[in-house]
Protein backbone atom coordinates (compact mmCIF):
# COMPACT_ATOMS: atom_id res chain seq x y z
CA MET A 1 -9.71 -9.55 -8.79
CA GLY A 2 -6.95 -11.54 -10.46
CA ARG A 3 -4.88 -8.54 -11.53
CA ASP A 4 -2.93 -5.62 -10.09
CA LYS A 5 -5.68 -3.14 -9.23
CA ALA A 6 -3.16 -0.31 -8.93
CA ARG A 7 -2.60 -0.45 -12.68
CA LEU A 8 -6.29 -0.45 -13.66
CA TRP A 9 -7.00 2.58 -15.81
CA LEU A 10 -9.48 5.32 -14.97
CA THR A 11 -10.26 8.24 -17.27
CA ASN A 12 -7.12 10.25 -16.46
CA GLY A 13 -4.64 7.65 -15.27
CA SER A 14 -4.20 4.52 -13.21
CA LEU A 15 -6.01 3.80 -9.98
CA LEU A 16 -2.69 4.25 -8.17
CA GLU A 17 -2.19 7.69 -9.75
CA HIS A 18 -5.74 8.65 -8.75
CA VAL A 19 -5.33 7.64 -5.09
CA ARG A 20 -1.92 9.32 -4.88
CA SER A 21 -3.27 12.59 -6.29
CA VAL A 22 -6.24 12.51 -3.90
CA CYS A 23 -3.87 12.05 -0.94
CA LEU A 24 -1.80 15.04 -2.05
CA ALA A 25 -4.91 17.16 -2.68
CA ALA A 26 -6.16 16.24 0.80
CA GLY A 27 -3.01 17.79 2.27
CA ALA A 28 -0.59 14.88 2.65
CA SER A 29 2.97 16.16 3.00
CA ALA A 30 4.23 12.90 1.47
CA VAL A 31 2.72 9.80 -0.10
CA LEU A 32 4.63 6.56 0.35
CA ILE A 33 3.64 3.65 -1.85
CA SER A 34 4.43 0.08 -0.98
CA GLY A 35 5.00 -2.53 -3.65
CA ASN A 36 6.73 -2.90 -6.98
CA TYR A 37 5.99 0.46 -8.62
CA PRO A 38 9.37 1.92 -9.69
CA GLU A 39 7.67 4.77 -11.56
CA PHE A 40 6.56 6.11 -8.16
CA ALA A 41 9.80 5.43 -6.24
CA ALA A 42 7.74 2.97 -4.20
CA VAL A 43 9.11 0.99 -1.28
CA PRO A 44 9.30 -2.70 -2.23
CA ASP A 45 7.59 -5.12 0.11
CA ARG A 46 10.19 -6.76 2.38
CA THR A 47 8.24 -9.99 2.08
CA PRO A 48 5.90 -10.26 -0.91
CA ASP A 49 2.30 -11.42 -0.60
CA LEU A 50 1.72 -10.35 3.01
CA GLY A 51 -1.08 -7.98 2.07
CA PRO A 52 -1.64 -4.44 3.34
CA VAL A 53 -0.13 -5.04 6.79
CA GLY A 54 3.04 -6.39 5.18
CA GLY A 55 3.19 -3.33 2.92
CA LEU A 56 2.73 -1.00 5.88
CA ALA A 57 5.45 -2.81 7.84
CA SER A 58 7.75 -2.43 4.81
CA VAL A 59 7.45 1.37 4.72
CA LEU A 60 7.72 1.94 8.49
CA SER A 61 11.41 2.81 8.37
CA GLN A 62 10.62 5.64 5.93
CA LEU A 63 7.90 7.18 8.11
CA ALA A 64 8.33 9.84 10.77
CA ASP A 65 6.28 9.64 13.95
CA GLY A 66 2.99 11.52 13.72
CA ALA A 67 -0.31 11.25 11.86
CA LEU A 68 -0.50 8.72 9.07
CA ILE A 69 -3.38 7.55 6.88
CA VAL A 70 -3.14 4.13 5.28
CA VAL A 71 -5.12 4.30 2.04
CA PRO A 72 -5.93 1.33 -0.21
CA VAL A 73 -5.47 1.61 -3.95
CA ASP A 74 -8.89 0.19 -4.86
CA LEU A 75 -11.03 3.29 -4.23
CA PRO A 76 -11.94 4.76 -7.64
CA ARG A 77 -14.37 7.29 -6.12
CA LEU A 78 -12.05 8.51 -3.36
CA GLN A 79 -12.03 12.30 -2.93
CA PRO A 80 -10.01 14.58 -0.61
CA PRO A 81 -12.90 15.35 1.80
CA ALA A 82 -13.00 11.70 2.92
CA LEU A 83 -9.36 11.77 4.04
CA GLN A 84 -9.62 15.29 5.46
CA THR A 85 -12.68 14.31 7.49
CA LEU A 86 -10.99 11.18 8.82
CA HIS A 87 -7.89 13.14 9.87
CA ALA A 88 -9.85 15.97 11.52
CA ALA A 89 -12.22 13.63 13.38
CA ALA A 90 -9.40 11.37 14.61
CA CYS A 91 -7.39 14.36 15.87
CA ALA A 92 -10.46 15.87 17.54
CA CYS A 93 -11.30 12.72 19.51
CA GLY A 94 -7.71 12.16 20.66
CA THR A 95 -7.54 8.55 19.54
CA MET A 96 -4.40 6.73 18.45
CA ALA A 97 -6.06 4.90 15.54
CA ALA A 98 -9.35 5.50 13.73
CA ARG A 99 -11.44 4.34 10.82
CA PHE A 100 -14.91 5.10 9.58
CA SER A 101 -17.73 2.83 10.71
CA GLY A 102 -19.38 0.76 8.05
CA GLY A 103 -17.24 -2.32 7.77
CA SER A 104 -14.15 -1.25 5.83
CA VAL A 105 -10.89 -1.06 7.76
CA LEU A 106 -9.27 1.27 5.24
CA PRO A 107 -8.55 4.10 5.10
CA LEU A 108 -7.01 3.82 8.56
CA TRP A 109 -5.65 6.80 10.50
CA ILE A 110 -2.78 6.05 12.91
CA ARG A 111 -0.83 8.30 15.26
CA LEU A 112 2.52 6.65 14.66
CA ASP A 113 4.95 6.36 17.57
CA PRO A 114 7.38 3.67 18.81
CA SER A 115 4.68 1.59 20.52
CA ARG A 116 2.45 1.56 17.43
CA ARG A 117 5.44 0.72 15.21
CA LYS A 118 6.00 -2.34 17.39
CA VAL A 119 2.35 -3.41 17.04
CA ILE A 120 2.48 -2.98 13.25
CA GLU A 121 5.65 -5.09 13.08
CA GLU A 122 4.08 -7.77 15.30
CA VAL A 123 0.88 -7.98 13.26
CA GLY A 124 2.90 -7.86 10.02
CA SER A 125 4.88 -10.92 11.05
CA ALA A 126 1.92 -12.87 12.45
CA PRO A 127 0.55 -16.03 10.79
CA SER A 128 -1.77 -15.28 7.87
CA ARG A 129 -5.03 -15.74 9.81
CA SER A 130 -3.89 -13.09 12.33
CA ARG A 131 -2.23 -10.74 9.82
CA SER A 132 -4.94 -8.34 8.70
CA MET A 133 -5.73 -4.65 8.84
CA ASN A 134 -8.73 -5.53 11.01
CA ALA A 135 -6.45 -7.34 13.49
CA LEU A 136 -4.13 -4.32 13.43
CA PHE A 137 -7.03 -1.94 14.09
CA HIS A 138 -8.10 -3.95 17.13
CA ARG A 139 -4.54 -4.33 18.45
CA LEU A 140 -4.21 -0.52 18.20
CA ALA A 141 -7.47 -0.14 20.20
CA GLY A 142 -8.84 1.92 17.34
CA THR A 143 -11.91 4.12 17.35
CA GLU A 144 -14.73 3.80 14.81
CA LEU A 145 -15.91 7.19 13.60
CA PRO A 146 -19.38 7.91 12.21
CA CYS A 147 -19.55 7.89 8.42
CA SER A 148 -22.14 9.75 6.37
CA SER A 149 -23.64 8.20 3.24
CA LEU A 150 -21.72 10.74 1.14
CA LEU A 151 -18.40 9.71 2.68
CA GLN A 152 -19.37 6.05 2.35
CA ALA A 153 -19.81 6.58 -1.42
CA PHE A 154 -16.21 7.86 -1.64
CA LEU A 155 -14.99 4.72 0.14
CA GLU A 156 -16.56 1.99 -2.00
CA ASP A 157 -13.87 -0.43 -3.11
CA CYS A 158 -13.51 -2.42 -6.30
CA ASP A 159 -12.39 -5.84 -5.08
CA THR A 160 -14.18 -7.72 -7.85
CA PRO A 161 -14.69 -7.20 -11.60
CA GLU A 162 -18.38 -6.62 -10.86
CA ALA A 163 -17.62 -3.88 -8.33
CA TRP A 164 -15.14 -2.26 -10.77
CA HIS A 165 -17.87 -2.20 -13.44
CA ARG A 166 -20.49 -0.87 -11.02
CA LEU A 167 -18.23 1.92 -9.72
CA THR A 168 -16.58 2.97 -12.97
CA GLY A 169 -19.00 1.87 -15.67
CA ARG A 170 -16.11 0.05 -17.36
CA GLU A 171 -15.18 -3.56 -17.87
CA PRO A 172 -11.82 -4.51 -16.33
CA PRO A 173 -9.23 -5.53 -18.92
CA PRO A 174 -8.59 -9.26 -19.27
CA CYS A 175 -5.87 -10.77 -17.07
């Protein structure tokens, strides 16, 4: 989109503040943020410009083993039920990684343990064409979970100025 989406402003705060508050409301015991956001005590990317997998690899040392949901910042309609449903469904089916069907890789639920940490590190250090959340999902042998149209509406992203306008009714600020 040509700008830092995390800092785009919604009615009551930035997109990053919105996603963080949704994670907490969904029951997250902690929310770790990767990137250069000192106001959130974020974990800086070890290597800038490696995308979401690079950000995830950067925060690994701060994460305990157990359930983890990787949530993108560009979901202005995200609500707690989407994350709660993903967590409950992934736990119920006994998978080690899960996402909703419908094309988007994120949010991505992972049962973090030493073997999955190794896979994340490997994908995070792969050449750019092999370093993606989709590649990570497949390397983790993830499960696609059914996604209702209501949940799908919560998960629409704003990767372009047109999508931002369609989802929020607002024009993005100039770069």
